[in-house]
Structure formats: structure tokens, C-alpha cells
Amino acid sequence: MDADTAMRLMAEMLLAAVKVSLPFLLAALVVGLLVSILQVVTQIQEMTLTFVPKLIAIGVVMLALGSWMLSVLVELTRHMFETAALL
């Protein structure tokens, strides 16, 4: 395996990691921002108030996009095994 192949495989792995993690991060960011605005407006400073809505949002994202995320990871794994077989 030469350096170009290794760099291409690493870039593919990092891109797949970004694709899979981005929906979770965006959901947590949006829910956290909305809860923070709600806390500022109502002056409720409860720490658990930010945790539960984020947990629910991440669960919804997992239910909605889980099959797509799994297909991305399976395709990456299949590609890695095919590439390893050619070495």
C-alpha cells in the first residue's frame, strides 16, 4: 500500500464519520440553542432541562436516519474489505 492509497482511505473514513455524526450534532445544537433561549426568557436555570430534550432529539434523529447511517457504514466497510483484498 502506498501513501496515496492510505490517504484516500483515511479521507473516506473521515468523510463517513462526518456524515454519520453530523445529524446528531446538529440536532443537539439546535435543541440546546432553543432550550438556552427558553431558559434566558423564563430565567429557569435547571441543569437537567437541557439534557432531556437533547436526549429525545438524538433518539428521534436515530429513528429517522438510522437506516441511512447504517447503509453509509456498511458501504464503507464493504469498500474497505474490497480494497484490502486487492492489496
C-alpha atoms as a PDB file:
ATOM      1  CA  MET A   1       0.000   0.000   0.000  1.00  0.00           C
ATOM      2  CA  ASP A   2       1.414   3.351  -0.966  1.00  0.00           C
ATOM      3  CA  ALA A   3       0.862   6.681   0.757  1.00  0.00           C
ATOM      4  CA  ASP A   4      -1.730   7.865  -1.766  1.00  0.00           C
ATOM      5  CA  THR A   5      -3.955   4.846  -1.151  1.00  0.00           C
ATOM      6  CA  ALA A   6      -3.638   5.232   2.602  1.00  0.00           C
ATOM      7  CA  MET A   7      -4.531   8.923   2.431  1.00  0.00           C
ATOM      8  CA  ARG A   8      -7.534   8.211   0.181  1.00  0.00           C
ATOM      9  CA  LEU A   9      -8.822   5.525   2.557  1.00  0.00           C
ATOM     10  CA  MET A  10      -8.325   7.809   5.553  1.00  0.00           C
ATOM     11  CA  ALA A  11     -10.210  10.611   3.800  1.00  0.00           C
ATOM     12  CA  GLU A  12     -13.086   8.232   3.012  1.00  0.00           C
ATOM     13  CA  MET A  13     -13.231   7.106   6.648  1.00  0.00           C
ATOM     14  CA  LEU A  14     -13.231  10.669   7.958  1.00  0.00           C
ATOM     15  CA  LEU A  15     -15.926  11.694   5.484  1.00  0.00           C
ATOM     16  CA  ALA A  16     -18.105   8.772   6.577  1.00  0.00           C
ATOM     17  CA  ALA A  17     -17.586   9.747  10.226  1.00  0.00           C
ATOM     18  CA  VAL A  18     -18.684  13.311   9.476  1.00  0.00           C
ATOM     19  CA  LYS A  19     -21.727  12.098   7.512  1.00  0.00           C
ATOM     20  CA  VAL A  20     -22.847   9.840  10.354  1.00  0.00           C
ATOM     21  CA  SER A  21     -22.189  12.227  13.245  1.00  0.00           C
ATOM     22  CA  LEU A  22     -23.435  15.468  11.678  1.00  0.00           C
ATOM     23  CA  PRO A  23     -27.186  14.828  12.158  1.00  0.00           C
ATOM     24  CA  PHE A  24     -26.643  14.091  15.860  1.00  0.00           C
ATOM     25  CA  LEU A  25     -24.505  17.171  16.363  1.00  0.00           C
ATOM     26  CA  LEU A  26     -26.907  19.465  14.508  1.00  0.00           C
ATOM     27  CA  ALA A  27     -29.915  18.157  16.450  1.00  0.00           C
ATOM     28  CA  ALA A  28     -28.130  18.635  19.776  1.00  0.00           C
ATOM     29  CA  LEU A  29     -27.000  22.124  18.725  1.00  0.00           C
ATOM     30  CA  VAL A  30     -30.460  23.278  17.662  1.00  0.00           C
ATOM     31  CA  VAL A  31     -32.208  21.832  20.716  1.00  0.00           C
ATOM     32  CA  GLY A  32     -29.539  23.231  23.036  1.00  0.00           C
ATOM     33  CA  LEU A  33     -29.901  26.672  21.492  1.00  0.00           C
ATOM     34  CA  LEU A  34     -33.693  26.603  21.796  1.00  0.00           C
ATOM     35  CA  VAL A  35     -33.553  25.435  25.416  1.00  0.00           C
ATOM     36  CA  SER A  36     -30.961  28.113  26.220  1.00  0.00           C
ATOM     37  CA  ILE A  37     -33.196  30.796  24.748  1.00  0.00           C
ATOM     38  CA  LEU A  38     -36.123  29.421  26.759  1.00  0.00           C
ATOM     39  CA  GLN A  39     -34.009  29.482  29.926  1.00  0.00           C
ATOM     40  CA  VAL A  40     -32.940  33.075  29.339  1.00  0.00           C
ATOM     41  CA  VAL A  41     -36.504  34.234  28.691  1.00  0.00           C
ATOM     42  CA  THR A  42     -38.020  32.419  31.676  1.00  0.00           C
ATOM     43  CA  GLN A  43     -34.932  32.641  33.947  1.00  0.00           C
ATOM     44  CA  ILE A  44     -35.227  28.935  34.787  1.00  0.00           C
ATOM     45  CA  GLN A  45     -31.723  27.646  35.484  1.00  0.00           C
ATOM     46  CA  GLU A  46     -32.292  23.899  35.783  1.00  0.00           C
ATOM     47  CA  MET A  47     -29.380  21.797  34.516  1.00  0.00           C
ATOM     48  CA  THR A  48     -31.473  18.734  33.649  1.00  0.00           C
ATOM     49  CA  LEU A  49     -33.708  20.860  31.434  1.00  0.00           C
ATOM     50  CA  THR A  50     -31.023  20.877  28.731  1.00  0.00           C
ATOM     51  CA  PHE A  51     -30.201  17.170  28.933  1.00  0.00           C
ATOM     52  CA  VAL A  52     -33.601  15.548  28.429  1.00  0.00           C
ATOM     53  CA  PRO A  53     -34.668  17.446  25.271  1.00  0.00           C
ATOM     54  CA  LYS A  54     -31.274  16.749  23.673  1.00  0.00           C
ATOM     55  CA  LEU A  55     -31.612  13.066  24.503  1.00  0.00           C
ATOM     56  CA  ILE A  56     -35.083  12.971  22.944  1.00  0.00           C
ATOM     57  CA  ALA A  57     -33.901  14.826  19.828  1.00  0.00           C
ATOM     58  CA  ILE A  58     -30.988  12.433  19.360  1.00  0.00           C
ATOM     59  CA  GLY A  59     -33.357   9.485  19.731  1.00  0.00           C
ATOM     60  CA  VAL A  60     -35.634  10.961  17.059  1.00  0.00           C
ATOM     61  CA  VAL A  61     -32.686  11.508  14.730  1.00  0.00           C
ATOM     62  CA  MET A  62     -31.561   7.931  15.307  1.00  0.00           C
ATOM     63  CA  LEU A  63     -35.023   6.599  14.486  1.00  0.00           C
ATOM     64  CA  ALA A  64     -35.386   8.812  11.426  1.00  0.00           C
ATOM     65  CA  LEU A  65     -31.903   8.444   9.917  1.00  0.00           C
ATOM     66  CA  GLY A  66     -30.589   5.225  11.459  1.00  0.00           C
ATOM     67  CA  SER A  67     -31.060   3.103   8.363  1.00  0.00           C
ATOM     68  CA  TRP A  68     -29.271   5.669   6.192  1.00  0.00           C
ATOM     69  CA  MET A  69     -26.386   5.873   8.679  1.00  0.00           C
ATOM     70  CA  LEU A  70     -26.116   2.099   8.770  1.00  0.00           C
ATOM     71  CA  SER A  71     -26.053   1.915   4.973  1.00  0.00           C
ATOM     72  CA  VAL A  72     -23.234   4.511   4.864  1.00  0.00           C
ATOM     73  CA  LEU A  73     -21.196   2.490   7.354  1.00  0.00           C
ATOM     74  CA  VAL A  74     -21.887  -0.829   5.605  1.00  0.00           C
ATOM     75  CA  GLU A  75     -20.869   0.638   2.245  1.00  0.00           C
ATOM     76  CA  LEU A  76     -17.642   1.996   3.773  1.00  0.00           C
ATOM     77  CA  THR A  77     -16.881  -1.374   5.354  1.00  0.00           C
ATOM     78  CA  ARG A  78     -17.566  -3.197   2.099  1.00  0.00           C
ATOM     79  CA  HIS A  79     -15.273  -0.798   0.230  1.00  0.00           C
ATOM     80  CA  MET A  80     -12.507  -1.226   2.819  1.00  0.00           C
ATOM     81  CA  PHE A  81     -12.658  -5.023   2.577  1.00  0.00           C
ATOM     82  CA  GLU A  82     -12.616  -4.889  -1.222  1.00  0.00           C
ATOM     83  CA  THR A  83      -9.612  -2.576  -1.123  1.00  0.00           C
ATOM     84  CA  ALA A  84      -7.846  -4.821   1.389  1.00  0.00           C
ATOM     85  CA  ALA A  85      -8.444  -7.847  -0.853  1.00  0.00           C
ATOM     86  CA  LEU A  86      -6.690  -6.110  -3.726  1.00  0.00           C
ATOM     87  CA  LEU A  87      -3.513  -5.393  -1.749  1.00  0.00           C
END
